[in-house]
Amino acid sequence: MRKKFFLNELEQNQTGEVSKILSEPEMKRRFHDIGLICGTKVTCVGRGPFGDPKAYEIRGAVVAIRNSDAKQIEIWSEKFPEKGV
């Protein structure tokens, strides 16, 4: 079963697919510039010392995105983070 959640919720080594970008036009354009468009596969590959920012592999490149920005990207995934574990 696929479930929707936000990019900032991806755990390390977990992959999701972008379903919607909910940000303002300027930030949406920045996301598009780094290859984040609907249907793009994204894998969380690391995180900063306090969990922010996280590093994501997007179309073969690794990009750091702040959690506050990643909350604006809705994704689908077969495996999703379990709350409260």
C-alpha atoms as a PDB file:
ATOM      1  CA  MET A   1       0.000   0.000   0.000  1.00  0.00           C
ATOM      2  CA  ARG A   2       1.313   3.430  -0.938  1.00  0.00           C
ATOM      3  CA  LYS A   3       1.013   6.265   1.531  1.00  0.00           C
ATOM      4  CA  LYS A   4       1.415  10.032   1.207  1.00  0.00           C
ATOM      5  CA  PHE A   5       3.599  12.001   3.586  1.00  0.00           C
ATOM      6  CA  PHE A   6       6.174  14.802   3.396  1.00  0.00           C
ATOM      7  CA  LEU A   7       9.785  14.701   2.267  1.00  0.00           C
ATOM      8  CA  ASN A   8      11.120  15.764   5.683  1.00  0.00           C
ATOM      9  CA  GLU A   9       9.641  12.530   7.127  1.00  0.00           C
ATOM     10  CA  LEU A  10      11.769  10.222   4.955  1.00  0.00           C
ATOM     11  CA  GLU A  11      14.188   8.157   7.015  1.00  0.00           C
ATOM     12  CA  GLN A  12      17.753   7.500   5.897  1.00  0.00           C
ATOM     13  CA  ASN A  13      17.966   5.102   2.906  1.00  0.00           C
ATOM     14  CA  GLN A  14      14.221   5.374   2.325  1.00  0.00           C
ATOM     15  CA  THR A  15      12.947   6.321  -1.134  1.00  0.00           C
ATOM     16  CA  GLY A  16       9.778   8.145  -2.135  1.00  0.00           C
ATOM     17  CA  GLU A  17       8.261   9.658  -5.261  1.00  0.00           C
ATOM     18  CA  VAL A  18       7.289  13.334  -5.461  1.00  0.00           C
ATOM     19  CA  SER A  19       3.524  13.714  -5.803  1.00  0.00           C
ATOM     20  CA  LYS A  20       3.003  17.445  -5.194  1.00  0.00           C
ATOM     21  CA  ILE A  21       4.969  20.600  -4.351  1.00  0.00           C
ATOM     22  CA  LEU A  22       2.993  22.889  -2.053  1.00  0.00           C
ATOM     23  CA  SER A  23       5.320  25.912  -1.926  1.00  0.00           C
ATOM     24  CA  GLU A  24       5.201  29.466  -3.246  1.00  0.00           C
ATOM     25  CA  PRO A  25       6.110  29.939  -6.943  1.00  0.00           C
ATOM     26  CA  GLU A  26       9.688  31.115  -6.252  1.00  0.00           C
ATOM     27  CA  MET A  27      10.524  28.106  -4.068  1.00  0.00           C
ATOM     28  CA  LYS A  28       8.688  25.773  -6.449  1.00  0.00           C
ATOM     29  CA  ARG A  29      10.946  27.046  -9.255  1.00  0.00           C
ATOM     30  CA  ARG A  30      14.032  26.323  -7.117  1.00  0.00           C
ATOM     31  CA  PHE A  31      12.809  22.790  -6.487  1.00  0.00           C
ATOM     32  CA  HIS A  32      12.232  22.333 -10.220  1.00  0.00           C
ATOM     33  CA  ASP A  33      15.765  23.628 -10.908  1.00  0.00           C
ATOM     34  CA  ILE A  34      17.258  20.808  -8.804  1.00  0.00           C
ATOM     35  CA  GLY A  35      15.074  18.214 -10.516  1.00  0.00           C
ATOM     36  CA  LEU A  36      12.232  17.920  -8.013  1.00  0.00           C
ATOM     37  CA  ILE A  37       9.109  17.525 -10.116  1.00  0.00           C
ATOM     38  CA  CYS A  38       6.138  15.190  -9.841  1.00  0.00           C
ATOM     39  CA  GLY A  39       7.224  11.601 -10.381  1.00  0.00           C
ATOM     40  CA  THR A  40      10.862  12.146  -9.341  1.00  0.00           C
ATOM     41  CA  LYS A  41      12.331   9.456  -7.077  1.00  0.00           C
ATOM     42  CA  VAL A  42      14.054  10.879  -3.978  1.00  0.00           C
ATOM     43  CA  THR A  43      16.198   8.970  -1.465  1.00  0.00           C
ATOM     44  CA  CYS A  44      17.276  10.316   1.925  1.00  0.00           C
ATOM     45  CA  VAL A  45      21.022   9.635   2.120  1.00  0.00           C
ATOM     46  CA  GLY A  46      22.052  11.550   5.241  1.00  0.00           C
ATOM     47  CA  ARG A  47      21.274  14.284   7.738  1.00  0.00           C
ATOM     48  CA  GLY A  48      22.931  17.109   9.623  1.00  0.00           C
ATOM     49  CA  PRO A  49      24.094  16.720  13.231  1.00  0.00           C
ATOM     50  CA  PHE A  50      20.722  17.736  14.670  1.00  0.00           C
ATOM     51  CA  GLY A  51      18.639  16.196  11.883  1.00  0.00           C
ATOM     52  CA  ASP A  52      18.531  19.370   9.796  1.00  0.00           C
ATOM     53  CA  PRO A  53      19.211  19.694   6.913  1.00  0.00           C
ATOM     54  CA  LYS A  54      18.834  16.273   5.345  1.00  0.00           C
ATOM     55  CA  ALA A  55      20.703  15.123   2.235  1.00  0.00           C
ATOM     56  CA  TYR A  56      18.664  13.659  -0.606  1.00  0.00           C
ATOM     57  CA  GLU A  57      19.709  11.926  -3.798  1.00  0.00           C
ATOM     58  CA  ILE A  58      17.736  13.454  -6.652  1.00  0.00           C
ATOM     59  CA  ARG A  59      18.381  12.277 -10.227  1.00  0.00           C
ATOM     60  CA  GLY A  60      21.933  11.179  -9.367  1.00  0.00           C
ATOM     61  CA  ALA A  61      22.926  14.339  -7.451  1.00  0.00           C
ATOM     62  CA  VAL A  62      23.009  14.779  -3.671  1.00  0.00           C
ATOM     63  CA  VAL A  63      21.280  17.932  -2.423  1.00  0.00           C
ATOM     64  CA  ALA A  64      20.801  19.258   1.131  1.00  0.00           C
ATOM     65  CA  ILE A  65      17.296  20.553   1.888  1.00  0.00           C
ATOM     66  CA  ARG A  66      16.172  22.139   5.157  1.00  0.00           C
ATOM     67  CA  ASN A  67      13.331  20.340   6.912  1.00  0.00           C
ATOM     68  CA  SER A  68      11.234  23.518   6.797  1.00  0.00           C
ATOM     69  CA  ASP A  69      11.467  23.449   2.986  1.00  0.00           C
ATOM     70  CA  ALA A  70      11.090  19.656   2.724  1.00  0.00           C
ATOM     71  CA  LYS A  71       7.729  19.961   4.551  1.00  0.00           C
ATOM     72  CA  GLN A  72       6.387  21.569   1.364  1.00  0.00           C
ATOM     73  CA  ILE A  73       7.027  18.483  -0.770  1.00  0.00           C
ATOM     74  CA  GLU A  74       4.422  15.729  -0.646  1.00  0.00           C
ATOM     75  CA  ILE A  75       5.647  12.252  -1.563  1.00  0.00           C
ATOM     76  CA  TRP A  76       4.367   8.698  -2.049  1.00  0.00           C
ATOM     77  CA  SER A  77       6.161   5.673  -0.698  1.00  0.00           C
ATOM     78  CA  GLU A  78       5.510   1.965  -0.261  1.00  0.00           C
ATOM     79  CA  LYS A  79       7.498   2.026   2.980  1.00  0.00           C
ATOM     80  CA  PHE A  80       6.671   4.915   5.234  1.00  0.00           C
ATOM     81  CA  PRO A  81       8.001   6.150   8.583  1.00  0.00           C
ATOM     82  CA  GLU A  82       6.255   4.757  11.624  1.00  0.00           C
ATOM     83  CA  LYS A  83       5.171   7.406  14.099  1.00  0.00           C
ATOM     84  CA  GLY A  84       6.059   6.945  17.744  1.00  0.00           C
ATOM     85  CA  VAL A  85       8.576   4.142  17.267  1.00  0.00           C
END
